[in-house]
Protein backbone atom coordinates (compact mmCIF):
# COMPACT_ATOMS: atom_id res chain seq x y z
CA UNK A 1 -19.76 14.39 -9.81
CA UNK A 2 -18.48 15.40 -6.46
CA UNK A 3 -16.62 12.74 -4.47
CA UNK A 4 -19.12 13.52 -1.69
CA UNK A 5 -22.22 12.63 -3.71
CA UNK A 6 -24.18 9.62 -2.44
CA UNK A 7 -26.88 7.70 -4.32
CA UNK A 8 -30.02 6.07 -2.88
CA UNK A 9 -28.03 2.89 -2.13
CA UNK A 10 -25.39 4.72 -0.12
CA UNK A 11 -22.78 4.47 -2.87
CA UNK A 12 -20.41 7.39 -3.05
CA UNK A 13 -18.84 8.57 -6.29
CA UNK A 14 -15.78 6.56 -5.23
CA UNK A 15 -17.92 3.39 -5.05
CA UNK A 16 -19.28 4.17 -8.52
CA UNK A 17 -15.83 4.81 -10.04
CA UNK A 18 -14.49 1.58 -8.51
CA UNK A 19 -17.45 -0.49 -9.70
CA UNK A 20 -17.20 0.91 -13.23
CA UNK A 21 -13.44 0.40 -13.38
CA UNK A 22 -12.67 4.08 -14.00
CA UNK A 23 -9.07 4.40 -12.82
CA UNK A 24 -8.70 7.99 -14.03
CA UNK A 25 -11.77 9.14 -12.12
CA UNK A 26 -10.72 7.25 -9.00
CA UNK A 27 -7.27 8.89 -9.21
CA UNK A 28 -8.94 12.29 -9.45
CA UNK A 29 -11.10 11.61 -6.39
CA UNK A 30 -8.16 10.27 -4.38
CA UNK A 31 -6.14 13.37 -5.21
CA UNK A 32 -8.98 15.43 -3.65
CA UNK A 33 -8.90 13.46 -0.40
CA UNK A 34 -11.68 10.88 -0.05
CA UNK A 35 -12.45 8.12 2.42
CA UNK A 36 -11.78 4.77 0.69
CA UNK A 37 -12.99 2.93 3.82
CA UNK A 38 -16.55 4.30 3.62
CA UNK A 39 -19.19 1.58 3.31
CA UNK A 40 -22.47 1.79 1.37
CA UNK A 41 -25.92 0.74 2.63
CA UNK A 42 -25.03 -2.95 2.14
CA UNK A 43 -21.73 -2.65 3.99
CA UNK A 44 -19.56 -2.68 0.86
CA UNK A 45 -16.45 -0.54 0.59
CA UNK A 46 -15.15 0.64 -2.81
CA UNK A 47 -12.64 -2.24 -2.86
CA UNK A 48 -15.52 -4.73 -2.59
CA UNK A 49 -17.08 -3.26 -5.74
CA UNK A 50 -13.88 -2.77 -7.76
CA UNK A 51 -13.92 -4.58 -11.09
CA UNK A 52 -10.64 -3.66 -12.82
CA UNK A 53 -7.29 -4.97 -11.54
CA UNK A 54 -5.67 -1.51 -11.70
CA UNK A 55 -8.53 -0.01 -9.69
CA UNK A 56 -8.26 -2.76 -7.07
CA UNK A 57 -4.51 -2.23 -6.89
CA UNK A 58 -4.85 1.52 -6.33
CA UNK A 59 -7.48 1.10 -3.61
CA UNK A 60 -5.40 -1.60 -1.92
CA UNK A 61 -2.37 0.67 -1.99
CA UNK A 62 -4.40 3.50 -0.45
CA UNK A 63 -5.71 1.20 2.28
CA UNK A 64 -2.28 -0.18 3.17
CA UNK A 65 -0.82 3.33 3.42
CA UNK A 66 -1.65 4.08 7.05
CA UNK A 67 0.47 7.24 7.48
CA UNK A 68 1.34 10.35 5.49
CA UNK A 69 4.43 9.73 3.37
CA UNK A 70 5.91 13.05 4.53
CA UNK A 71 5.01 13.83 8.16
CA UNK A 72 3.95 10.27 9.13
CA UNK A 73 0.63 11.43 10.66
CA UNK A 74 -1.88 8.58 10.89
CA UNK A 75 -4.75 8.59 8.38
CA UNK A 76 -8.27 8.52 9.82
CA UNK A 77 -11.78 9.82 9.20
CA UNK A 78 -10.50 13.27 10.24
CA UNK A 79 -7.14 12.98 8.43
CA UNK A 80 -7.87 11.78 4.90
CA UNK A 81 -5.42 10.50 2.30
CA UNK A 82 -4.55 12.83 -0.59
CA UNK A 83 -2.90 11.04 -3.49
CA UNK A 84 -0.09 12.44 -5.60
CA UNK A 85 -1.22 11.33 -9.07
CA UNK A 86 2.28 11.18 -10.51
CA UNK A 87 3.65 8.75 -7.90
CA UNK A 88 0.60 7.13 -6.27
CA UNK A 89 1.94 8.28 -2.88
CA UNK A 90 -0.42 9.44 -0.16
CA UNK A 91 -0.16 12.54 1.98
CA UNK A 92 -2.26 14.28 4.63
CA UNK A 93 -3.99 17.55 3.75
CA UNK A 94 -1.27 19.65 5.36
CA UNK A 95 1.46 17.98 3.31
CA UNK A 96 -0.39 17.59 0.00
């Protein structure tokens, strides 16, 4: 699946990976730069649907990282987080 796919309930692939507890898939999506703040049709973000502790931890870490770990640019809808899978650090697209 593409991280941009959305189902009939407004769930993205990130919502689905979080709900199913698939840490490896979530890591893959985060390394591609996805919006972990995006809400589905019921107003739930991926963190709200996360079932596994490791998945919750990763999403929480992404959400608390407000700036690129290299250039310190602020993350936003236009400046997404890209995760380094080996360190769980987050970078902007220019620095990833």
